[in-house]
Amino acid sequence: TDSAQTNAAKVMWEGMVAWALRDPEHYVYVWDGTGESGCLHPVRSWLAFCGHWAAFCWGADPESHLRRRVVISTHPLNAAQK
């Protein structure tokens, strides 16, 4: 996510997430750094992303991007990674 949290950036990231979820050679995760120890959460579908993670990732607080990340990888990552 970007620090300005512009609508254009949100649309761009949503497009990238949708593309990566359709491509079997890509993996999508959300990194949650809001707790004591940050962790990766796998995102397995567009429905899961829209239903839960999208609101979390964009957040209402302008500083929310500092502790939340969308990760797109060509390799499966350990969901327990920090």
Foldseek 3Di string as FASTA:
>chain_A
DDLVLDPVVLVVVLVVVQVQLVDPQKWKWKWAQPDPHIWIDTDNDNCSCVVPVSCQCSDPDSCSVVGMDIDMDSDDDDRGDD
